[in-house]
Structure formats: structure tokens, C-alpha cells
Protein backbone atom coordinates (compact mmCIF):
# COMPACT_ATOMS: atom_id res chain seq x y z
CA MET A 1 190.29 159.29 179.59
CA PRO A 2 191.23 161.62 176.70
CA THR A 3 192.02 165.19 177.67
CA PRO A 4 189.51 167.68 176.22
CA ILE A 5 191.06 169.63 173.35
CA HIS A 6 189.21 172.67 172.06
CA GLU A 7 189.52 172.30 168.33
CA ARG A 8 187.23 172.73 165.32
CA ALA A 9 186.87 170.29 162.47
CA LEU A 10 184.76 170.34 159.33
CA ILE A 11 182.81 167.40 157.95
CA VAL A 12 182.17 167.49 154.19
CA ALA A 13 178.95 165.49 154.39
CA PRO A 14 177.54 163.01 151.87
CA ALA A 15 174.75 164.11 149.52
CA TRP A 16 172.53 161.10 150.34
CA ILE A 17 170.34 160.92 153.45
CA GLY A 18 171.19 157.30 154.18
CA ASP A 19 174.91 157.94 153.82
CA ALA A 20 174.66 160.89 156.22
CA VAL A 21 173.05 158.60 158.81
CA MET A 22 175.74 155.95 158.31
CA ALA A 23 178.41 158.61 158.87
CA GLN A 24 177.28 159.28 162.45
CA PRO A 25 179.47 156.54 164.01
CA LEU A 26 182.45 158.45 162.56
CA PHE A 27 181.29 161.60 164.35
CA MET A 28 180.83 159.64 167.58
CA ARG A 29 184.36 158.23 167.32
CA LEU A 30 185.87 161.66 166.64
CA LYS A 31 184.14 163.09 169.72
CA GLU A 32 185.27 160.09 171.77
CA ARG A 33 188.87 160.66 170.77
CA SER A 34 188.72 164.45 171.28
CA PRO A 35 185.92 165.34 173.75
CA GLY A 36 186.49 169.07 173.25
CA LEU A 37 186.19 168.83 169.47
CA THR A 38 183.62 171.04 167.75
CA LEU A 39 182.27 169.37 164.61
CA ASP A 40 180.60 171.43 161.90
CA ALA A 41 179.17 169.99 158.70
CA LEU A 42 179.17 171.32 155.14
CA ALA A 43 176.04 169.69 153.74
CA PRO A 44 173.35 170.04 151.06
CA ALA A 45 170.04 171.45 152.26
CA TRP A 46 168.20 168.15 151.79
CA VAL A 47 170.61 166.32 154.12
CA ALA A 48 170.84 169.04 156.79
CA PRO A 49 167.69 168.02 158.76
CA VAL A 50 169.23 164.62 159.52
CA LEU A 51 172.48 166.20 160.70
CA ARG A 52 170.54 168.60 162.93
CA ARG A 53 169.23 165.59 164.84
CA MET A 54 172.77 164.43 165.65
CA PRO A 55 174.12 165.81 168.95
CA GLU A 56 177.70 165.50 167.66
CA ILE A 57 177.17 168.22 165.01
CA SER A 58 177.38 171.82 166.24
CA GLU A 59 176.65 173.85 163.10
CA ILE A 60 175.59 173.11 159.54
CA ILE A 61 176.90 175.19 156.66
CA ASP A 62 174.95 175.04 153.42
CA ASN A 63 176.67 173.30 150.53
CA PRO A 64 174.81 174.85 147.59
CA PHE A 65 176.49 172.96 144.75
CA ALA A 66 174.48 170.53 142.65
CA HIS A 67 175.83 167.12 141.77
CA GLY A 68 178.46 167.49 139.07
CA GLU A 69 178.56 171.31 139.33
CA LEU A 70 182.08 172.73 139.43
CA ALA A 71 181.32 176.46 139.97
CA LEU A 72 184.94 177.10 140.87
CA SER A 73 184.52 180.82 141.63
CA ALA A 74 181.62 180.12 144.02
CA ARG A 75 183.58 177.34 145.70
CA TYR A 76 186.49 179.71 146.20
CA ARG A 77 184.23 182.34 147.82
CA LEU A 78 182.78 179.75 150.21
CA ALA A 79 186.26 178.47 151.00
CA ARG A 80 187.42 181.98 151.94
CA GLN A 81 184.49 182.27 154.37
CA LEU A 82 185.40 178.92 155.93
CA SER A 83 189.08 179.84 156.24
CA ALA A 84 188.17 182.43 158.90
CA ARG A 85 186.63 179.75 161.14
CA GLY A 86 189.92 178.21 162.18
CA TYR A 87 189.29 174.62 161.21
CA ARG A 88 192.34 172.43 161.80
CA ARG A 89 190.93 169.29 160.17
CA ALA A 90 188.45 168.43 157.45
CA TYR A 91 186.95 164.99 156.88
CA VAL A 92 185.89 164.64 153.24
CA LEU A 93 183.34 161.82 153.09
CA PRO A 94 182.37 161.85 149.37
CA ASN A 95 185.06 160.43 147.08
CA SER A 96 184.72 163.00 144.29
CA LEU A 97 187.51 165.40 143.43
CA LYS A 98 185.13 168.38 143.61
CA SER A 99 184.16 167.57 147.21
CA ALA A 100 187.80 167.98 148.28
CA LEU A 101 188.28 171.38 146.64
CA ILE A 102 186.69 173.57 149.33
CA PRO A 103 188.80 172.32 152.30
CA TRP A 104 191.92 172.70 150.15
CA LEU A 105 190.96 176.20 148.99
CA ALA A 106 190.13 177.11 152.60
CA GLY A 107 193.65 176.19 153.66
CA ILE A 108 192.54 173.66 156.26
CA PRO A 109 195.83 172.04 157.31
CA GLN A 110 194.73 168.41 157.70
CA ARG A 111 192.38 167.06 155.03
CA VAL A 112 191.30 163.47 155.64
CA GLY A 113 189.63 161.12 153.19
CA PHE A 114 190.04 158.22 150.79
CA THR A 115 192.15 158.79 147.70
CA GLY A 116 188.96 158.58 145.65
CA GLU A 117 189.21 160.38 142.30
CA SER A 118 193.02 160.73 142.37
CA ARG A 119 192.80 163.46 145.01
CA TYR A 120 196.55 163.61 145.59
CA GLY A 121 197.41 166.91 147.28
CA LEU A 122 193.79 167.84 147.88
CA ILE A 123 193.64 165.08 150.53
CA ASN A 124 196.85 165.02 152.56
CA GLN A 125 195.88 162.28 155.05
CA ARG A 126 194.90 159.70 152.47
CA HIS A 127 193.32 156.35 153.24
CA THR A 128 193.44 153.55 150.69
CA LEU A 129 190.18 151.65 150.49
CA ASP A 130 190.32 147.88 150.89
CA PRO A 131 186.74 146.78 150.12
CA ALA A 132 187.35 143.30 151.52
CA ALA A 133 188.52 144.70 154.87
CA LEU A 134 185.77 147.33 154.98
CA PRO A 135 182.74 145.79 153.23
CA LYS A 136 180.17 148.12 154.80
CA MET A 137 179.70 151.80 154.04
CA VAL A 138 179.51 152.63 157.77
CA GLU A 139 182.93 151.02 158.29
CA ARG A 140 184.47 153.06 155.49
CA PHE A 141 183.27 156.30 157.00
CA ALA A 142 184.36 155.30 160.52
CA GLN A 143 187.84 154.33 159.30
CA LEU A 144 188.55 158.02 158.65
CA ALA A 145 188.72 158.60 162.42
CA GLU A 146 191.84 156.41 162.59
CA ALA A 147 195.31 156.88 161.15
CA PRO A 148 195.80 155.51 157.63
CA GLY A 149 196.54 151.81 157.88
CA ALA A 150 195.39 151.55 161.50
CA PRO A 151 192.69 149.00 162.35
CA LEU A 152 189.08 150.06 162.58
CA HIS A 153 187.95 150.76 166.14
CA CYS A 154 185.31 148.13 166.92
CA PRO A 155 182.58 147.60 167.78
CA LEU A 156 181.04 150.57 166.02
CA PRO A 157 178.13 152.29 167.74
CA ASN A 158 174.85 152.42 165.87
CA PRO A 159 173.57 155.80 164.60
CA ARG A 160 171.13 157.52 166.96
CA LEU A 161 168.99 160.44 165.80
CA VAL A 162 167.16 162.61 168.32
CA SER A 163 163.40 163.13 168.22
CA GLU A 164 162.08 164.66 171.43
CA HIS A 165 158.50 164.25 172.63
CA GLU A 166 157.82 167.97 172.20
CA GLN A 167 159.12 167.87 168.63
CA GLN A 168 156.81 164.95 167.86
CA LYS A 169 153.83 166.78 169.41
CA ALA A 170 154.51 169.87 167.32
CA THR A 171 154.76 167.82 164.12
CA LEU A 172 151.55 165.90 164.82
CA ALA A 173 149.71 169.16 165.53
CA ALA A 174 151.05 170.84 162.38
CA LEU A 175 149.87 167.92 160.23
CA ASN A 176 146.58 167.40 162.10
CA LEU A 177 147.55 163.84 163.04
CA SER A 178 147.07 161.86 166.22
CA ARG A 179 148.97 158.88 167.58
CA HIS A 180 146.29 157.95 170.11
CA PRO A 181 144.56 155.59 170.54
CA GLU A 182 145.48 153.94 167.24
CA LYS A 183 148.57 151.91 166.60
CA ILE A 184 150.84 153.45 163.97
CA ALA A 185 152.64 151.77 161.07
CA VAL A 186 154.78 153.87 158.74
CA PHE A 187 155.50 152.81 155.17
CA CYS A 188 158.28 154.42 153.12
CA PRO A 189 157.45 153.20 149.60
CA GLY A 190 159.94 155.30 147.65
CA ALA A 191 163.64 154.93 146.89
CA GLU A 192 165.45 157.87 145.32
CA TYR A 193 168.01 155.59 143.67
CA GLY A 194 165.49 154.02 141.30
CA PRO A 195 162.60 151.58 140.74
CA ALA A 196 164.78 148.48 141.21
CA LYS A 197 164.75 149.24 144.95
CA ARG A 198 160.97 149.75 145.25
CA TRP A 199 158.61 147.07 146.52
CA PRO A 200 155.45 147.19 144.36
CA ALA A 201 152.63 149.54 145.38
CA ARG A 202 150.12 146.69 145.15
CA HIS A 203 152.09 144.78 147.83
CA PHE A 204 152.17 147.82 150.09
CA ALA A 205 148.39 148.17 149.62
CA THR A 206 147.75 144.55 150.60
CA LEU A 207 149.92 144.92 153.68
CA ALA A 208 148.16 148.17 154.63
CA ASP A 209 144.78 146.44 154.44
CA GLU A 210 145.95 143.65 156.74
CA LEU A 211 147.17 146.19 159.27
CA MET A 212 144.12 148.47 159.12
CA VAL A 213 141.76 145.62 159.89
CA ARG A 214 143.87 145.08 163.00
CA GLY A 215 143.39 148.66 164.14
CA TYR A 216 146.49 150.32 162.74
CA GLN A 217 146.80 153.73 161.18
CA VAL A 218 149.16 153.55 158.20
CA TRP A 219 151.13 156.65 157.23
CA LEU A 220 152.94 156.76 153.90
CA LEU A 221 156.08 158.92 154.01
CA GLY A 222 158.41 160.07 151.28
CA SER A 223 159.32 162.97 149.04
CA ALA A 224 157.14 164.70 146.47
CA LYS A 225 158.58 162.25 143.91
CA ASP A 226 156.91 159.43 145.87
CA ARG A 227 153.48 161.05 145.88
CA ALA A 228 152.22 159.06 142.88
CA ILE A 229 153.38 155.79 144.48
CA GLY A 230 151.48 156.72 147.64
CA ASP A 231 148.37 157.55 145.64
CA GLU A 232 148.58 154.18 143.90
CA ILE A 233 148.75 152.45 147.28
CA LEU A 234 145.59 154.31 148.34
CA THR A 235 143.92 153.38 145.07
CA ARG A 236 144.77 149.70 145.34
CA SER A 237 143.78 149.38 148.98
CA ALA A 238 140.69 147.27 149.66
CA SER A 239 139.34 150.29 151.54
CA ALA A 240 139.17 152.20 148.24
CA ASP A 241 135.99 152.45 146.23
CA PRO A 242 135.75 149.34 143.96
CA ASP A 243 135.17 151.43 140.85
CA THR A 244 138.29 153.39 141.66
CA ALA A 245 140.33 150.23 142.14
CA ASP A 246 139.12 148.88 138.78
CA THR A 247 140.18 152.12 137.14
CA ALA A 248 143.66 151.74 138.59
CA ASP A 249 143.93 148.22 137.18
CA THR A 250 142.99 149.19 133.64
CA ALA A 251 144.67 152.60 133.36
CA ASP A 252 147.70 153.04 131.12
CA THR A 253 150.95 153.61 133.00
CA ALA A 254 151.13 157.17 131.69
CA ASP A 255 147.72 157.92 133.18
CA THR A 256 148.29 156.31 136.57
CA ALA A 257 149.47 159.44 138.35
CA ASP A 258 146.62 161.58 136.96
CA THR A 259 144.05 158.94 137.89
CA ALA A 260 145.45 158.56 141.40
CA ASN A 261 145.56 162.32 141.92
CA ALA A 262 141.94 162.66 140.84
CA ILE A 263 140.93 159.84 143.16
CA ALA A 264 142.88 161.35 146.03
CA ALA A 265 141.19 164.67 145.42
CA ASP A 266 137.73 163.07 145.60
CA SER A 267 139.03 160.87 148.27
CA HIS A 268 137.48 158.19 150.14
CA GLU A 269 137.95 159.95 153.47
CA ASN A 270 140.17 157.09 154.56
CA THR A 271 141.83 158.50 157.65
CA ALA A 272 143.40 155.15 158.55
CA LEU A 273 145.57 155.19 155.42
CA ARG A 274 147.22 158.55 154.81
CA ASN A 275 149.46 159.47 151.90
CA LEU A 276 151.85 162.03 153.39
CA CYS A 277 154.48 161.71 150.65
CA GLY A 278 155.55 165.19 149.67
CA GLN A 279 153.38 166.70 152.41
CA THR A 280 156.02 166.82 155.14
CA SER A 281 159.49 168.21 155.55
CA LEU A 282 162.29 165.75 156.28
CA THR A 283 162.33 167.10 159.84
CA GLN A 284 158.64 166.24 160.21
CA ALA A 285 159.17 162.83 158.63
CA ILE A 286 161.82 162.09 161.27
CA ASP A 287 159.34 162.90 164.03
CA LEU A 288 156.53 160.87 162.44
CA ILE A 289 158.79 157.84 162.09
CA ALA A 290 159.71 158.25 165.76
CA CYS A 291 155.98 157.97 166.59
CA ALA A 292 155.57 154.66 164.76
CA ASP A 293 155.12 151.26 166.36
CA PHE A 294 157.00 149.87 163.39
CA VAL A 295 158.22 150.88 159.94
CA VAL A 296 158.29 149.05 156.58
CA CYS A 297 160.82 150.50 154.15
CA ASN A 298 162.62 149.88 150.93
CA ASP A 299 166.38 150.27 151.12
CA SER A 300 166.33 154.07 151.21
CA GLY A 301 167.36 157.10 153.20
CA LEU A 302 164.25 156.89 155.37
CA MET A 303 165.08 153.25 156.15
CA HIS A 304 168.35 154.41 157.70
CA VAL A 305 166.50 157.19 159.53
CA ALA A 306 164.07 154.64 161.00
CA ALA A 307 166.97 152.44 162.13
CA ALA A 308 168.68 155.41 163.77
CA LEU A 309 165.45 156.25 165.61
CA ASP A 310 165.49 152.72 167.08
CA ARG A 311 162.13 151.79 165.57
CA SER A 312 161.09 148.22 164.91
CA LEU A 313 161.91 148.03 161.21
CA ILE A 314 161.31 145.68 158.29
CA ALA A 315 163.79 146.53 155.53
CA LEU A 316 163.07 145.26 152.01
CA TYR A 317 166.01 144.66 149.68
CA GLY A 318 165.88 144.03 145.95
CA SER A 319 168.69 145.27 143.71
CA SER A 320 170.87 146.41 146.63
CA SER A 321 172.68 144.47 149.34
CA PRO A 322 172.30 144.50 153.13
CA ALA A 323 175.93 143.37 153.25
CA PHE A 324 176.91 146.89 152.06
CA THR A 325 174.29 149.26 153.49
CA PRO A 326 172.36 147.40 156.21
CA PRO A 327 169.97 149.09 158.63
CA LEU A 328 172.11 149.73 161.70
CA SER A 329 169.80 148.68 164.49
CA PRO A 330 169.18 145.56 166.59
CA HIS A 331 165.46 146.13 165.97
CA ALA A 332 165.73 145.85 162.18
CA ARG A 333 164.81 142.76 160.21
CA VAL A 334 166.03 142.44 156.63
CA LEU A 335 163.91 140.64 154.03
CA SER A 336 165.54 139.66 150.75
CA LEU A 337 164.89 136.79 148.36
CA ASN A 338 168.61 136.49 147.55
CA LEU A 339 167.92 135.55 143.94
CA ALA A 340 170.77 134.53 141.66
CA CYS A 341 170.45 137.83 139.78
CA SER A 342 170.62 140.03 142.89
CA PRO A 343 172.08 142.22 144.10
CA CYS A 344 172.68 143.84 140.73
CA PHE A 345 172.98 147.42 142.11
CA GLN A 346 171.11 148.73 139.06
CA ARG A 347 168.54 151.54 139.13
CA GLU A 348 166.19 149.51 136.94
CA CYS A 349 165.93 145.75 136.60
CA PRO A 350 168.26 144.79 133.72
CA LEU A 351 166.18 141.64 133.11
CA GLY A 352 162.88 143.51 133.04
CA HIS A 353 161.05 141.40 135.66
CA LEU A 354 162.07 142.76 139.10
CA ASP A 355 161.44 139.33 140.60
CA CYS A 356 163.60 140.20 143.60
CA LEU A 357 160.77 142.45 144.85
CA ASN A 358 157.70 141.31 142.91
CA GLN A 359 158.04 137.83 144.38
CA LEU A 360 158.54 139.10 147.94
CA ASP A 361 154.90 138.57 148.89
CA PRO A 362 152.97 140.66 151.43
CA GLN A 363 152.24 137.63 153.63
CA ARG A 364 155.94 137.18 154.29
CA VAL A 365 156.40 140.86 155.10
CA PHE A 366 153.38 140.86 157.40
CA ALA A 367 154.75 137.83 159.24
CA ALA A 368 157.89 139.84 160.02
CA THR A 369 155.96 142.73 161.62
CA PRO A 370 155.08 143.02 165.31
CA ALA A 371 151.41 143.01 164.22
CA ALA A 372 151.70 139.32 163.29
CA SER A 373 152.23 138.37 166.92
CA SER A 374 149.39 140.53 168.26
CA ALA A 375 145.99 139.26 169.41
CA PRO A 376 144.09 137.16 166.84
CA LEU A 377 141.30 138.79 164.86
CA SER A 378 137.79 138.75 166.25
CA PRO A 379 135.09 136.82 164.32
CA ASN A 380 133.73 140.12 163.01
CA GLN A 381 137.17 141.18 161.80
CA GLN A 382 137.64 137.82 160.10
CA VAL A 383 134.33 138.23 158.25
CA ASN A 384 135.32 141.71 157.02
CA ARG A 385 138.89 140.79 156.24
CA PRO A 386 139.50 141.25 152.49
CA LEU A 387 143.14 140.40 152.70
CA PHE A 388 145.75 137.99 151.42
CA CYS A 389 143.15 136.55 149.10
CA LYS A 390 143.19 136.16 145.36
CA GLY A 391 142.30 139.39 143.63
CA ASN A 392 143.33 141.77 146.38
CA ASP A 393 146.98 141.86 145.42
CA ARG A 394 146.22 142.75 141.82
CA GLU A 395 148.86 142.80 139.12
CA PRO A 396 149.01 146.04 137.14
């Protein structure tokens, strides 16, 4: 067993939530190799809540710099503060030159990372990336725990975020939500990267209707940028007022958000389908996902969060590839049509049709959920079931 060594190391964390989750196996391996190691993370504020739910991370230091911002004087001041902490090693996970400046300016002796943007000198324990040998992002991060050229330590553990029962209770109380007696499904309809990773709102609405008739509450989670998508799902749901749904079908794209906001303000008092996008912190979203019976997500940061919380997960892939950034959980099921044009890794469909997600029908997604294997619907539920029928899954 390794001898505990009391040493401090700094993680320069990724700026994407999903990448931060996929970095956790690296942290686990570092702690395994040096049980006495104290790991701190330099991270943007929007990523910090995920890192706080990792037991391997002791302290989080705010990285205030926006993407592309040099701010050399401010970086130097932060580096001088870090130099007093006695870090012996820094693991620089982003590949940009700017991300390697602070550990170098702080005089941290061992600076580990991939060569990236020609970071000779800034990174002095340089790994050379072989994409064929390390096809997954999680493998690339974990490789930094080993010496350059050494084999990856396998098998890798899966990420595991912490959400305690008391934390979940506090979040539910703060948001006036209940997990009893209803069954809970969480949808994460957004994707920060771009629309080519987003399953259509009309499909989410159809799936929500199928679940609600089976007694599920459906919570929509995401950032404030996803609020309009959530409102559209509410609007298109069969539980919405028919006049409202017709309005959503005929509205111009530019008016969709205003229409949905007005409808939500009137709202149909639909407590079974709740649009919580932009209404929670990331910390609260973590706890709500932990409460779910299952989660349906686009390939997004919250998908990786759900996987790390060990939830039953249906992950929907369009322009991206599960071969590169899969959900790291035995309870995750990936759905992808594997069209000839995908994965294209574009933010918007370069062909203008987004068939990779438009043609992934709600029936197929429902069949992948635990709800599909639950008790059959009662005769009354069958009579009132407005789902998977022509007209419900309306095209815009």
C-alpha cells in the first residue's frame, strides 16, 4: 500500500461541466497513488459546484478569467497568491496556452499536461496525445496521473458525485417540490454547445405526456438559456390548453419565447410538468437529479452529472459521439441513430435538417426508460391517453 505523503497539488480545471465530471477519475487515481495528497482546484464559478461534490477536492479557488481573456497582470497577481500555498505539482487539464500561465507564474515546480498549444516550458512534464490510444476524453485526463509514455492505469473508476439525503431535502424544500408519492423523471433539454446536440422540444413534450399519464412528475432542468426550450415543452404538452398549443404551432420562431413566457405566466397550473430551467443553481440541480427515478438528457454537462450520480439515464446523441464523451455509468443507455452524416461535431446542423435528432422518435426513447417496463395502463388511463398518436408530436 502506498505510504501517505503530505503534499499539495493544484488542478487547473476544465471550463465545461461535463469535462469537470470526466476529470474525476484522474483525481481518484492521484489520491490512490498518494493517499496523503491534498488536491485543490482552480476553476470557473460555473464549474465549482460540481467539484464541491467530489470528495477528492479539498478547496476550490476561483478562476475569474473569461474564455479567451489574457489579462496578464491579473493572472500574475493570482499566481503570486498561489505561490504562497506550497504546491509541488499542477495538473493543467485544458490544452490552451493561457491555462498553463498561472502555474508557471506561481513557480510550481512540476507542471503536468499535454503539449497542447505549443506549451513548451510552461508544461515541464509534457504528455503527447495519441488520439488512437486514448479515444475517450476521460482517458486523456486520467493519463496525466501517469508518467509520460507510461500505460494508462485500467480499469478507470467511474465518476461519483455526492448528494446526501439532507442536501436533497433542503433543495426540495427551497424549491417547494416533493418527491413523494410521485415517481420523478428529470429531463435536461438544453446543450450549451449548440442546437445540433438538442433533441426537439416537441419530442420531449410527447415523452413527458406518456410519463405523466403513468403517474410521473417531470422536472425540466437547465440553465437560464434553456428556459425558452422548457417553456416550449410545456406549451406543446398535451396537458396544455389546446388554444395555447395551437398558438405555439403557428407562431414565428422569433415570437416563440415571448409566447411561451406569456403562457407560462398564465400557466395551466400543471404541477406534474415543471419547467425549472434557470430557476435552480447547479448545486440544486445536482440534488434534484439525485432524486430522480431516471433522467433523459442530451449530450450535455447535466448528462455527465446524472451519470456520476448513478441515476438510470437515457443519453441522446446527435452531432456528438458517445465514443468520445460517453456517460460513465453502468446505468446509462445511449441512443443514437448513427446516420452517415453523424457525428459531425458541429454546433448547428451543416445540412440544415438535424435528422440525427429529429428522426429519433419519442416512442424509441420511451421504450428505453424504466417506465416502459412498469405496470400496464389501466382502462381509464388508456382512454385518456393522448400520446404517441398523430398530431401530438407536432412539427413546428
